[in-house]
N, C-alpha and C. Protein backbone atom coordinates (compact mmCIF):
# COMPACT_ATOMS: atom_id res chain seq x y z
N UNK A 1 86.54 93.86 105.67
CA UNK A 1 86.71 95.23 106.15
C UNK A 1 86.37 95.34 107.63
N UNK A 2 85.36 94.60 108.06
CA UNK A 2 84.96 94.65 109.45
C UNK A 2 86.06 94.12 110.36
N UNK A 3 86.73 93.05 109.94
CA UNK A 3 87.85 92.48 110.72
C UNK A 3 88.99 93.48 110.83
N UNK A 4 89.23 94.22 109.75
CA UNK A 4 90.27 95.24 109.75
C UNK A 4 89.97 96.33 110.78
N UNK A 5 88.74 96.81 110.81
CA UNK A 5 88.34 97.85 111.77
C UNK A 5 88.42 97.35 113.21
N UNK A 6 88.02 96.10 113.41
CA UNK A 6 88.09 95.51 114.75
C UNK A 6 89.55 95.41 115.21
N UNK A 7 90.43 95.03 114.30
CA UNK A 7 91.85 94.89 114.63
C UNK A 7 92.44 96.24 115.01
N UNK A 8 92.10 97.27 114.27
CA UNK A 8 92.60 98.62 114.60
C UNK A 8 92.06 99.07 115.95
N UNK A 9 90.79 98.84 116.19
CA UNK A 9 90.20 99.23 117.47
C UNK A 9 90.81 98.49 118.64
N UNK A 10 91.11 97.22 118.43
CA UNK A 10 91.67 96.39 119.50
C UNK A 10 93.12 96.77 119.81
N UNK A 11 93.86 97.21 118.80
CA UNK A 11 95.28 97.53 118.96
C UNK A 11 95.55 98.99 118.63
N UNK A 12 94.66 99.86 119.03
CA UNK A 12 94.75 101.27 118.66
C UNK A 12 96.09 101.88 119.08
N UNK A 13 96.56 101.58 120.26
CA UNK A 13 97.83 102.12 120.75
C UNK A 13 99.01 101.68 119.90
N UNK A 14 98.97 100.44 119.45
CA UNK A 14 100.06 99.92 118.62
C UNK A 14 100.11 100.68 117.30
N UNK A 15 98.94 100.84 116.68
CA UNK A 15 98.91 101.50 115.38
C UNK A 15 99.15 103.00 115.49
N UNK A 16 98.80 103.56 116.64
CA UNK A 16 99.11 104.97 116.88
C UNK A 16 100.63 105.16 116.98
N UNK A 17 101.31 104.23 117.63
CA UNK A 17 102.78 104.29 117.71
C UNK A 17 103.39 104.14 116.32
N UNK A 18 102.86 103.24 115.51
CA UNK A 18 103.35 103.08 114.14
C UNK A 18 103.12 104.34 113.33
N UNK A 19 101.95 104.95 113.47
CA UNK A 19 101.66 106.20 112.77
C UNK A 19 102.63 107.29 113.19
N UNK A 20 102.97 107.36 114.47
CA UNK A 20 103.94 108.34 114.96
C UNK A 20 105.32 108.08 114.36
N UNK A 21 105.74 106.83 114.33
CA UNK A 21 107.06 106.48 113.78
C UNK A 21 107.15 106.88 112.31
N UNK A 22 106.15 106.50 111.54
CA UNK A 22 106.17 106.81 110.11
C UNK A 22 105.98 108.31 109.85
N UNK A 23 105.12 108.94 110.63
CA UNK A 23 104.91 110.39 110.48
C UNK A 23 106.16 111.18 110.81
N UNK A 24 106.83 110.80 111.89
CA UNK A 24 108.08 111.46 112.26
C UNK A 24 109.15 111.23 111.20
N UNK A 25 109.18 110.02 110.64
CA UNK A 25 110.15 109.72 109.59
C UNK A 25 109.92 110.56 108.35
N UNK A 26 108.67 110.71 107.95
CA UNK A 26 108.35 111.53 106.79
C UNK A 26 108.69 112.99 107.06
N UNK A 27 108.30 113.48 108.24
CA UNK A 27 108.57 114.88 108.59
C UNK A 27 110.07 115.17 108.63
N UNK A 28 110.85 114.27 109.20
CA UNK A 28 112.30 114.50 109.27
C UNK A 28 112.93 114.40 107.88
N UNK A 29 112.41 113.51 107.04
CA UNK A 29 112.92 113.37 105.68
C UNK A 29 112.70 114.68 104.90
N UNK A 30 111.53 115.27 105.06
CA UNK A 30 111.23 116.55 104.39
C UNK A 30 112.04 117.68 105.02
N UNK A 31 112.16 117.69 106.34
CA UNK A 31 112.89 118.75 107.04
C UNK A 31 114.35 118.81 106.59
N UNK A 32 114.95 117.65 106.36
CA UNK A 32 116.36 117.59 105.97
C UNK A 32 116.53 117.49 104.45
N UNK A 33 115.62 118.08 103.69
CA UNK A 33 115.66 117.92 102.24
C UNK A 33 116.93 118.47 101.60
N UNK A 34 117.63 119.37 102.25
CA UNK A 34 118.85 119.91 101.67
C UNK A 34 120.11 119.21 102.19
N UNK A 35 119.94 118.22 103.02
CA UNK A 35 121.06 117.49 103.59
C UNK A 35 120.87 115.99 103.34
N UNK A 36 121.40 115.49 102.23
CA UNK A 36 121.19 114.07 101.89
C UNK A 36 121.68 113.09 102.95
N UNK A 37 122.77 113.40 103.62
CA UNK A 37 123.29 112.50 104.66
C UNK A 37 122.29 112.35 105.80
N UNK A 38 121.65 113.45 106.18
CA UNK A 38 120.67 113.40 107.26
C UNK A 38 119.39 112.69 106.80
N UNK A 39 119.07 112.80 105.52
CA UNK A 39 117.92 112.07 104.99
C UNK A 39 118.17 110.57 105.07
N UNK A 40 119.40 110.16 104.78
CA UNK A 40 119.74 108.75 104.88
C UNK A 40 119.63 108.28 106.34
N UNK A 41 120.14 109.09 107.26
CA UNK A 41 120.03 108.75 108.69
C UNK A 41 118.56 108.66 109.09
N UNK A 42 117.77 109.62 108.64
CA UNK A 42 116.34 109.63 108.94
C UNK A 42 115.65 108.38 108.39
N UNK A 43 115.96 108.02 107.16
CA UNK A 43 115.37 106.82 106.55
C UNK A 43 115.81 105.56 107.29
N UNK A 44 117.08 105.51 107.67
CA UNK A 44 117.58 104.35 108.40
C UNK A 44 116.90 104.21 109.76
N UNK A 45 116.79 105.31 110.48
CA UNK A 45 116.15 105.26 111.80
C UNK A 45 114.67 104.90 111.68
N UNK A 46 114.01 105.45 110.69
CA UNK A 46 112.59 105.14 110.50
C UNK A 46 112.40 103.66 110.20
N UNK A 47 113.20 103.11 109.30
CA UNK A 47 113.06 101.70 108.97
C UNK A 47 113.45 100.81 110.15
N UNK A 48 114.45 101.24 110.92
CA UNK A 48 114.85 100.46 112.09
C UNK A 48 113.74 100.43 113.14
N UNK A 49 113.13 101.57 113.39
CA UNK A 49 112.02 101.61 114.35
C UNK A 49 110.80 100.88 113.83
N UNK A 50 110.60 100.86 112.52
CA UNK A 50 109.51 100.09 111.92
C UNK A 50 109.70 98.60 112.19
N UNK A 51 110.91 98.11 111.98
CA UNK A 51 111.20 96.70 112.25
C UNK A 51 111.04 96.41 113.74
N UNK A 52 111.56 97.27 114.58
CA UNK A 52 111.43 97.08 116.03
C UNK A 52 109.96 97.07 116.44
N UNK A 53 109.16 98.00 115.88
CA UNK A 53 107.74 98.04 116.19
C UNK A 53 107.07 96.72 115.80
N UNK A 54 107.39 96.22 114.62
CA UNK A 54 106.80 94.96 114.17
C UNK A 54 107.14 93.80 115.07
N UNK A 55 108.38 93.73 115.49
CA UNK A 55 108.81 92.65 116.38
C UNK A 55 108.09 92.74 117.72
N UNK A 56 108.06 93.93 118.30
CA UNK A 56 107.39 94.11 119.59
C UNK A 56 105.89 93.82 119.47
N UNK A 57 105.27 94.32 118.41
CA UNK A 57 103.83 94.10 118.22
C UNK A 57 103.50 92.61 118.15
N UNK A 58 104.25 91.88 117.36
CA UNK A 58 103.97 90.45 117.22
C UNK A 58 104.39 89.66 118.46
N UNK A 59 105.39 90.15 119.19
CA UNK A 59 105.76 89.50 120.45
C UNK A 59 104.63 89.64 121.47
N UNK A 60 104.06 90.83 121.56
CA UNK A 60 102.95 91.07 122.48
C UNK A 60 101.74 90.21 122.09
N UNK A 61 101.52 90.07 120.80
CA UNK A 61 100.39 89.27 120.31
C UNK A 61 100.69 87.77 120.34
N UNK A 62 101.89 87.41 120.73
CA UNK A 62 102.34 86.01 120.84
C UNK A 62 102.27 85.27 119.50
N UNK A 63 102.54 85.98 118.41
CA UNK A 63 102.62 85.32 117.11
C UNK A 63 103.89 85.74 116.36
N UNK A 64 104.96 85.91 117.14
CA UNK A 64 106.24 86.29 116.56
C UNK A 64 106.96 85.03 116.06
N UNK A 65 107.28 85.04 114.77
CA UNK A 65 108.01 83.94 114.14
C UNK A 65 109.13 84.55 113.31
N UNK A 66 110.09 83.75 112.96
CA UNK A 66 111.23 84.23 112.18
C UNK A 66 110.76 84.77 110.82
N UNK A 67 109.75 84.16 110.25
CA UNK A 67 109.26 84.64 108.95
C UNK A 67 108.65 86.03 109.06
N UNK A 68 108.06 86.34 110.21
CA UNK A 68 107.51 87.69 110.43
C UNK A 68 108.65 88.70 110.51
N UNK A 69 109.71 88.35 111.23
CA UNK A 69 110.87 89.23 111.34
C UNK A 69 111.50 89.45 109.97
N UNK A 70 111.64 88.38 109.20
CA UNK A 70 112.22 88.50 107.86
C UNK A 70 111.33 89.38 106.97
N UNK A 71 110.02 89.22 107.10
CA UNK A 71 109.11 90.04 106.30
C UNK A 71 109.26 91.53 106.63
N UNK A 72 109.29 91.87 107.92
CA UNK A 72 109.47 93.27 108.31
C UNK A 72 110.83 93.81 107.85
N UNK A 73 111.86 92.99 107.97
CA UNK A 73 113.19 93.43 107.54
C UNK A 73 113.24 93.62 106.02
N UNK A 74 112.56 92.75 105.28
CA UNK A 74 112.55 92.86 103.82
C UNK A 74 111.82 94.13 103.37
N UNK A 75 110.66 94.39 103.96
CA UNK A 75 109.92 95.61 103.61
C UNK A 75 110.72 96.85 103.98
N UNK A 76 111.36 96.84 105.15
CA UNK A 76 112.16 97.98 105.57
C UNK A 76 113.36 98.18 104.65
N UNK A 77 114.02 97.11 104.28
CA UNK A 77 115.17 97.21 103.39
C UNK A 77 114.75 97.73 102.02
N UNK A 78 113.64 97.26 101.51
CA UNK A 78 113.13 97.74 100.23
C UNK A 78 112.82 99.23 100.30
N UNK A 79 112.15 99.65 101.36
CA UNK A 79 111.85 101.08 101.53
C UNK A 79 113.11 101.92 101.64
N UNK A 80 114.08 101.42 102.40
CA UNK A 80 115.33 102.15 102.55
C UNK A 80 116.08 102.27 101.23
N UNK A 81 116.12 101.19 100.47
CA UNK A 81 116.81 101.22 99.18
C UNK A 81 116.12 102.15 98.18
N UNK A 82 114.80 102.19 98.22
CA UNK A 82 114.07 103.11 97.35
C UNK A 82 114.41 104.55 97.72
N UNK A 83 114.40 104.87 99.00
CA UNK A 83 114.74 106.22 99.44
C UNK A 83 116.19 106.55 99.11
N UNK A 84 117.09 105.60 99.30
CA UNK A 84 118.51 105.80 98.98
C UNK A 84 118.65 106.16 97.51
N UNK A 85 117.96 105.42 96.65
CA UNK A 85 118.08 105.69 95.21
C UNK A 85 117.45 107.02 94.82
N UNK A 86 116.40 107.42 95.52
CA UNK A 86 115.79 108.73 95.27
C UNK A 86 116.74 109.84 95.70
N UNK A 87 117.36 109.70 96.85
CA UNK A 87 118.24 110.73 97.39
C UNK A 87 119.47 110.91 96.49
N UNK A 88 120.09 109.81 96.11
CA UNK A 88 121.33 109.90 95.35
C UNK A 88 121.14 109.71 93.85
N UNK A 89 119.89 109.62 93.42
CA UNK A 89 119.54 109.53 91.99
C UNK A 89 120.35 108.45 91.28
N UNK A 90 120.51 107.31 91.96
CA UNK A 90 121.31 106.22 91.40
C UNK A 90 120.56 105.45 90.33
């Protein structure tokens, strides 16, 4: 737990940007609740910025590897597909 707190303190700006990205994504998803097409756009943009944030964060930390990129893309794709299925009740 102590390592986790140190990491957040050391990279506070990075995690603040991530919090803004995810918060804006949630807010726009709720705001467009009556427009499924805009919810899909909102989900896509949020997941895209999440992947971009992950790549930039790890590039700055000099530990960017292809497996990290694949991991961020996989999590984003899973989140997007879950939201897609919720929106269209598939």
